[in-house]
């Protein structure tokens, strides 16, 4: 009731002010109680001779027409067309006429160096690529091919609403690999690819999802038969430990930007930083045989191993229970086995 009365009073004051050509701010308020920006700027221009100079310094323009006189963009069928925000130039150059034009991602440094003209015959190039992106160049090409064939990233495989081609998938994958391998920021990736940091950020979350599902199932093959596990035992047999399929331990990864309320649960004795811990089993050829999901860094190895499906299945005889091997006499004596 009070608001309704206040609105009516405000409308009456405004009508009286306009009737008297009152230059006060009340003349810039509409019937809904909102400030009409166009009327306010016109009022400022009328009373201040230096207002045009101020607008030029601020690079602003004020139209003398009212908002009702502004024409809307319409399509061929006469329906209004939503205006798209002018796209900013991430990488740009000057033309001969002095105009600023955008440099597309397909002309960025990374695209020219790693996609258009890769020096695959140069061993130095291949070594640098593996050091920079943490995988061989041939594996990168295979990864891109698999992603396109499997349609892992459908959002970046077509065109946007305006019919413009999406960002090159090769550059987005390279950005995700550099972010993981070197700890770059999305702003660094924008500078090298000509793709905005927001696109890199959104793609990275999808890349992590694909890595933890499709790529994990493809490359992390947990041995469940005798034939599978014997392929990982050669190095352990040479070291005098027959029957050992791999090494298992908890691995801590720093958890940056950890929420303050979770800091206590993610800080353990090995580091002062918040971490996520994974119990991982690997062979001596840098191949992961199995791993758990991430757990708080304050958990010790005895707790985390309870969530390791591979280790628990071996312990309870669900897999590899029928595998037999000879134990060396030194191990029997060392552990007091009979």
Protein backbone atom coordinates (compact mmCIF):
# COMPACT_ATOMS: atom_id res chain seq x y z
CA UNK A 1 0.00 0.00 0.00
CA UNK A 2 2.84 2.35 0.90
CA UNK A 3 4.76 1.58 -2.31
CA UNK A 4 1.64 2.15 -4.42
CA UNK A 5 1.07 5.53 -2.78
CA UNK A 6 4.72 6.50 -3.19
CA UNK A 7 4.64 5.61 -6.89
CA UNK A 8 1.53 7.71 -7.44
CA UNK A 9 3.07 10.66 -5.63
CA UNK A 10 6.27 10.35 -7.64
CA UNK A 11 4.29 10.32 -10.88
CA UNK A 12 2.40 13.45 -9.87
CA UNK A 13 5.62 15.28 -8.98
CA UNK A 14 7.17 14.27 -12.30
CA UNK A 15 4.17 15.52 -14.31
CA UNK A 16 4.24 18.83 -12.44
CA UNK A 17 7.99 19.15 -12.97
CA UNK A 18 7.73 18.52 -16.72
CA UNK A 19 4.84 20.97 -17.02
CA UNK A 20 6.98 23.69 -15.42
CA UNK A 21 10.05 22.78 -17.54
CA UNK A 22 11.80 21.96 -14.32
CA UNK A 23 15.47 21.12 -15.12
CA UNK A 24 15.80 19.04 -11.97
CA UNK A 25 16.50 15.30 -11.90
CA UNK A 26 12.80 14.60 -11.36
CA UNK A 27 12.23 15.29 -15.03
CA UNK A 28 14.48 12.32 -15.85
CA UNK A 29 12.41 9.82 -13.85
CA UNK A 30 9.72 7.85 -15.65
CA UNK A 31 6.36 6.74 -14.26
CA UNK A 32 7.90 3.51 -12.92
CA UNK A 33 10.35 5.39 -10.76
CA UNK A 34 13.37 4.56 -12.91
CA UNK A 35 15.93 7.03 -14.26
CA UNK A 36 15.70 7.54 -18.02
CA UNK A 37 19.39 7.63 -19.04
CA UNK A 38 18.68 9.28 -22.39
CA UNK A 39 16.77 12.17 -20.78
CA UNK A 40 19.42 12.55 -18.10
CA UNK A 41 22.26 12.86 -20.64
CA UNK A 42 20.24 15.29 -22.77
CA UNK A 43 19.62 17.40 -19.66
CA UNK A 44 23.34 17.42 -18.84
CA UNK A 45 24.17 18.45 -22.39
CA UNK A 46 21.69 21.35 -22.29
CA UNK A 47 23.03 22.81 -19.05
CA UNK A 48 26.73 22.13 -19.46
CA UNK A 49 28.57 23.50 -22.50
CA UNK A 50 31.62 21.33 -21.79
CA UNK A 51 29.55 18.15 -21.77
CA UNK A 52 30.29 17.29 -25.42
CA UNK A 53 34.01 17.63 -24.73
CA UNK A 54 33.67 15.31 -21.74
CA UNK A 55 31.85 12.72 -23.84
CA UNK A 56 34.58 12.83 -26.48
CA UNK A 57 37.23 12.19 -23.84
CA UNK A 58 35.22 9.23 -22.56
CA UNK A 59 34.63 7.98 -26.13
CA UNK A 60 30.83 8.05 -25.62
CA UNK A 61 28.01 9.12 -27.84
CA UNK A 62 24.58 10.49 -26.89
CA UNK A 63 21.77 10.46 -29.42
CA UNK A 64 19.37 13.38 -29.58
CA UNK A 65 16.53 11.04 -30.47
CA UNK A 66 14.38 9.40 -27.87
CA UNK A 67 14.52 5.63 -27.26
CA UNK A 68 11.28 5.23 -29.22
CA UNK A 69 12.96 6.60 -32.36
CA UNK A 70 15.68 3.92 -32.39
CA UNK A 71 15.10 1.41 -35.18
CA UNK A 72 15.54 -2.29 -34.42
CA UNK A 73 17.37 -4.70 -36.71
CA UNK A 74 14.91 -6.88 -38.58
CA UNK A 75 15.38 -10.00 -40.65
CA UNK A 76 14.17 -10.79 -44.16
CA UNK A 77 10.85 -11.96 -42.77
CA UNK A 78 10.31 -8.75 -40.81
CA UNK A 79 10.94 -10.29 -37.39
CA UNK A 80 13.31 -8.55 -34.95
CA UNK A 81 16.84 -9.90 -34.94
CA UNK A 82 18.76 -10.04 -31.69
CA UNK A 83 21.87 -7.94 -31.89
CA UNK A 84 25.06 -9.89 -31.25
CA UNK A 85 27.72 -8.35 -29.09
CA UNK A 86 30.67 -7.17 -31.11
CA UNK A 87 33.40 -9.79 -30.85
CA UNK A 88 36.65 -8.49 -29.48
CA UNK A 89 39.93 -9.17 -31.22
CA UNK A 90 42.13 -11.62 -29.30
CA UNK A 91 44.93 -11.42 -31.87
CA UNK A 92 44.82 -8.57 -34.38
CA UNK A 93 46.84 -6.78 -37.04
CA UNK A 94 46.62 -3.59 -39.09
CA UNK A 95 45.72 -3.72 -42.76
CA UNK A 96 47.21 -1.47 -45.42
CA UNK A 97 44.28 0.90 -44.89
CA UNK A 98 45.03 1.07 -41.17
CA UNK A 99 41.97 -0.93 -40.21
CA UNK A 100 42.21 -3.44 -37.38
CA UNK A 101 41.38 -7.03 -38.39
CA UNK A 102 41.32 -10.18 -36.32
CA UNK A 103 43.93 -12.92 -36.72
CA UNK A 104 42.04 -16.25 -36.71
CA UNK A 105 43.28 -19.17 -34.58
CA UNK A 106 44.28 -20.95 -37.79
CA UNK A 107 47.01 -18.33 -38.24
CA UNK A 108 48.26 -18.44 -34.64
CA UNK A 109 51.77 -19.52 -33.71
CA UNK A 110 50.74 -22.92 -32.37
CA UNK A 111 48.58 -23.76 -35.37
CA UNK A 112 51.37 -22.93 -37.82
CA UNK A 113 54.05 -24.70 -35.78
CA UNK A 114 52.25 -27.86 -34.69
CA UNK A 115 49.42 -28.35 -37.22
CA UNK A 116 50.33 -26.80 -40.59
CA UNK A 117 54.10 -27.27 -40.75
CA UNK A 118 55.22 -29.71 -38.02
CA UNK A 119 58.88 -30.68 -38.34
CA UNK A 120 58.24 -34.40 -37.87
CA UNK A 121 61.56 -35.31 -39.47
CA UNK A 122 63.50 -33.25 -36.92
CA UNK A 123 64.32 -35.19 -33.74
CA UNK A 124 64.80 -31.93 -31.79
CA UNK A 125 61.24 -30.88 -32.65
CA UNK A 126 59.84 -34.24 -31.51
CA UNK A 127 61.78 -34.09 -28.23
CA UNK A 128 60.62 -30.55 -27.52
CA UNK A 129 57.02 -31.43 -28.33
CA UNK A 130 57.07 -34.34 -25.90
CA UNK A 131 58.65 -32.17 -23.20
CA UNK A 132 56.15 -29.36 -23.75
CA UNK A 133 52.97 -31.45 -24.02
CA UNK A 134 53.93 -34.66 -22.15
CA UNK A 135 53.23 -37.07 -25.02
CA UNK A 136 54.79 -37.93 -28.40
CA UNK A 137 53.62 -36.07 -31.47
CA UNK A 138 52.30 -39.27 -33.04
CA UNK A 139 50.19 -39.90 -29.92
CA UNK A 140 48.81 -36.36 -30.18
CA UNK A 141 47.73 -36.96 -33.77
CA UNK A 142 46.09 -40.23 -32.74
CA UNK A 143 44.31 -38.48 -29.88
CA UNK A 144 42.88 -35.84 -32.22
CA UNK A 145 41.79 -38.50 -34.72
CA UNK A 146 40.08 -40.57 -32.02
CA UNK A 147 38.34 -37.48 -30.65
CA UNK A 148 36.94 -36.61 -34.07
CA UNK A 149 35.88 -40.15 -34.93
CA UNK A 150 34.30 -40.72 -31.51
CA UNK A 151 32.73 -37.24 -31.41
CA UNK A 152 34.05 -36.74 -27.88
CA UNK A 153 33.67 -32.97 -28.09
CA UNK A 154 30.50 -32.32 -30.15
CA UNK A 155 30.36 -28.69 -29.08
CA UNK A 156 33.61 -28.01 -30.96
CA UNK A 157 32.91 -30.14 -34.02
CA UNK A 158 30.51 -27.89 -35.93
CA UNK A 159 29.39 -24.27 -36.14
CA UNK A 160 27.91 -21.82 -33.66
CA UNK A 161 24.51 -20.13 -33.88
CA UNK A 162 25.88 -17.53 -36.30
CA UNK A 163 27.25 -20.19 -38.64
CA UNK A 164 30.87 -19.58 -37.68
CA UNK A 165 33.24 -22.54 -37.45
CA UNK A 166 34.12 -23.60 -33.93
CA UNK A 167 37.62 -23.24 -32.54
CA UNK A 168 40.13 -25.77 -33.97
CA UNK A 169 40.00 -28.94 -31.90
CA UNK A 170 43.75 -29.45 -32.30
CA UNK A 171 44.52 -26.17 -30.55
CA UNK A 172 42.06 -26.87 -27.73
CA UNK A 173 43.63 -30.28 -27.06
CA UNK A 174 47.12 -28.78 -27.15
CA UNK A 175 45.97 -26.14 -24.66
CA UNK A 176 44.59 -28.76 -22.27
CA UNK A 177 47.83 -30.75 -22.47
CA UNK A 178 49.98 -27.66 -21.83
CA UNK A 179 47.74 -26.63 -18.93
CA UNK A 180 48.24 -30.06 -17.34
CA UNK A 181 51.87 -30.58 -18.24
CA UNK A 182 53.35 -27.17 -17.55
CA UNK A 183 50.84 -25.52 -15.23
CA UNK A 184 49.97 -22.70 -17.64
CA UNK A 185 46.98 -20.44 -17.18
CA UNK A 186 44.10 -20.12 -19.63
CA UNK A 187 45.27 -16.58 -20.33
CA UNK A 188 48.63 -17.98 -21.50
CA UNK A 189 46.78 -20.33 -23.85
CA UNK A 190 44.75 -17.43 -25.26
CA UNK A 191 47.96 -15.62 -26.14
CA UNK A 192 49.35 -18.60 -28.10
CA UNK A 193 46.22 -19.88 -29.84
CA UNK A 194 44.01 -16.87 -30.46
CA UNK A 195 41.18 -18.67 -28.65
CA UNK A 196 39.68 -16.91 -25.64
CA UNK A 197 40.57 -18.11 -22.16
CA UNK A 198 36.89 -18.79 -21.41
CA UNK A 199 36.68 -21.25 -24.32
CA UNK A 200 39.83 -22.98 -23.08
CA UNK A 201 38.36 -23.16 -19.57
CA UNK A 202 35.08 -24.69 -20.70
CA UNK A 203 36.87 -27.16 -22.99
CA UNK A 204 39.28 -28.20 -20.23
CA UNK A 205 36.45 -29.39 -17.98
CA UNK A 206 35.09 -31.51 -20.83
CA UNK A 207 38.61 -32.80 -21.56
CA UNK A 208 38.99 -33.93 -17.95
CA UNK A 209 35.63 -35.70 -18.14
CA UNK A 210 36.69 -37.54 -21.31
CA UNK A 211 40.07 -38.40 -19.78
CA UNK A 212 38.54 -39.90 -16.64
CA UNK A 213 36.07 -42.05 -18.61
CA UNK A 214 36.90 -42.81 -22.24
CA UNK A 215 40.69 -42.48 -22.07
CA UNK A 216 40.90 -44.20 -18.67
CA UNK A 217 38.95 -47.23 -19.89
CA UNK A 218 41.06 -47.35 -23.05
CA UNK A 219 44.56 -47.09 -21.59
CA UNK A 220 44.32 -48.29 -17.97
CA UNK A 221 43.97 -52.05 -18.43
CA UNK A 222 43.87 -53.81 -15.06
CA UNK A 223 45.19 -57.40 -15.37
CA UNK A 224 42.66 -60.00 -14.24
CA UNK A 225 44.06 -63.19 -15.77
CA UNK A 226 47.39 -65.01 -15.41
CA UNK A 227 48.28 -64.23 -19.03
CA UNK A 228 47.65 -60.51 -18.46
CA UNK A 229 49.66 -60.27 -15.26
CA UNK A 230 52.69 -62.24 -16.46
CA UNK A 231 53.47 -59.48 -18.98
CA UNK A 232 54.20 -57.10 -16.07
CA UNK A 233 56.38 -59.41 -13.93
CA UNK A 234 59.66 -59.58 -15.83
CA UNK A 235 61.40 -56.69 -14.03
CA UNK A 236 60.30 -58.01 -10.60
CA UNK A 237 61.53 -61.52 -11.40
CA UNK A 238 64.93 -60.10 -12.39
CA UNK A 239 65.01 -58.29 -9.04
CA UNK A 240 64.34 -61.55 -7.15
CA UNK A 241 60.65 -60.90 -6.45
CA UNK A 242 58.70 -63.41 -8.54
CA UNK A 243 54.93 -63.15 -8.31
CA UNK A 244 54.90 -59.36 -7.91
CA UNK A 245 52.72 -57.71 -10.60
CA UNK A 246 53.57 -54.08 -9.79
CA UNK A 247 54.28 -51.42 -7.21
CA UNK A 248 51.40 -49.89 -5.26
CA UNK A 249 51.47 -46.73 -3.17
CA UNK A 250 49.51 -43.56 -2.45
CA UNK A 251 50.28 -40.59 -4.69
CA UNK A 252 49.51 -37.04 -3.54
CA UNK A 253 48.61 -34.28 -6.01
CA UNK A 254 48.43 -30.66 -4.84
CA UNK A 255 44.83 -29.42 -4.66
CA UNK A 256 45.03 -25.73 -5.49
CA UNK A 257 42.13 -23.41 -4.64
CA UNK A 258 40.89 -25.85 -2.03
CA UNK A 259 37.93 -24.42 -0.09
CA UNK A 260 38.89 -23.12 3.33
CA UNK A 261 36.39 -25.37 5.12
CA UNK A 262 38.09 -28.42 3.49
CA UNK A 263 41.70 -27.42 4.14
CA UNK A 264 41.99 -29.48 7.32
CA UNK A 265 40.86 -32.67 5.58
CA UNK A 266 43.27 -32.24 2.67
CA UNK A 267 46.50 -31.50 4.54
CA UNK A 268 48.60 -34.48 5.58
CA UNK A 269 52.02 -35.13 7.06
CA UNK A 270 53.95 -35.29 3.80
CA UNK A 271 53.26 -31.75 2.62
CA UNK A 272 52.00 -28.46 3.97
CA UNK A 273 49.74 -28.03 0.95
CA UNK A 274 46.21 -29.34 0.48
CA UNK A 275 46.33 -32.49 -1.66
CA UNK A 276 44.18 -35.20 -3.18
CA UNK A 277 45.49 -38.73 -2.70
CA UNK A 278 45.23 -41.66 -5.11
CA UNK A 279 46.29 -45.25 -4.43
CA UNK A 280 48.01 -46.32 -7.63
CA UNK A 281 49.48 -49.58 -8.94
CA UNK A 282 52.08 -49.35 -11.73
CA UNK A 283 54.61 -51.58 -13.44
CA UNK A 284 58.21 -50.56 -14.12
CA UNK A 285 57.45 -49.43 -17.67
CA UNK A 286 55.46 -46.33 -16.65
CA UNK A 287 52.10 -48.01 -17.21
CA UNK A 288 49.28 -47.57 -14.71
CA UNK A 289 47.53 -50.84 -13.91
CA UNK A 290 44.90 -49.43 -11.58
CA UNK A 291 44.04 -46.46 -9.39
CA UNK A 292 41.40 -45.26 -6.99
CA UNK A 293 39.43 -42.05 -7.20
CA UNK A 294 40.76 -38.99 -5.40
CA UNK A 295 40.55 -38.89 -1.60
CA UNK A 296 41.48 -36.23 1.01
CA UNK A 297 45.23 -35.85 1.44
CA UNK A 298 45.02 -36.36 5.22
CA UNK A 299 44.10 -40.04 4.75
CA UNK A 300 46.98 -42.49 5.22
CA UNK A 301 47.85 -45.44 2.99
CA UNK A 302 46.02 -47.97 5.17
CA UNK A 303 42.79 -46.06 4.75
CA UNK A 304 43.07 -45.32 1.03
CA UNK A 305 43.90 -48.93 0.11
CA UNK A 306 40.50 -49.96 1.44
CA UNK A 307 39.03 -48.18 -1.61
CA UNK A 308 41.42 -49.83 -4.11
CA UNK A 309 39.31 -52.33 -6.05
CA UNK A 310 42.33 -54.01 -7.71
CA UNK A 311 44.19 -54.69 -4.44
CA UNK A 312 41.07 -55.84 -2.59
CA UNK A 313 40.04 -58.24 -5.37
CA UNK A 314 43.48 -59.87 -5.18
CA UNK A 315 43.34 -60.07 -1.37
CA UNK A 316 39.91 -61.72 -1.28
CA UNK A 317 40.75 -64.17 -4.07
CA UNK A 318 38.40 -62.76 -6.69
CA UNK A 319 41.20 -62.50 -9.31
CA UNK A 320 44.62 -64.18 -9.75
CA UNK A 321 43.84 -66.66 -6.96
CA UNK A 322 45.09 -69.63 -9.01
CA UNK A 323 48.49 -68.11 -9.83
CA UNK A 324 51.43 -69.96 -8.24
CA UNK A 325 55.12 -69.01 -8.10
CA UNK A 326 58.28 -69.98 -6.27
CA UNK A 327 59.56 -67.80 -3.48
CA UNK A 328 63.34 -67.42 -3.13
CA UNK A 329 65.01 -68.86 -0.04
CA UNK A 330 66.22 -65.41 0.98
CA UNK A 331 62.63 -64.11 1.15
CA UNK A 332 61.53 -67.18 3.11
CA UNK A 333 64.29 -66.62 5.63
CA UNK A 334 63.73 -62.87 5.78
CA UNK A 335 60.00 -63.13 6.49
CA UNK A 336 60.16 -66.30 8.56
CA UNK A 337 58.02 -68.29 6.13
CA UNK A 338 57.96 -72.08 6.35
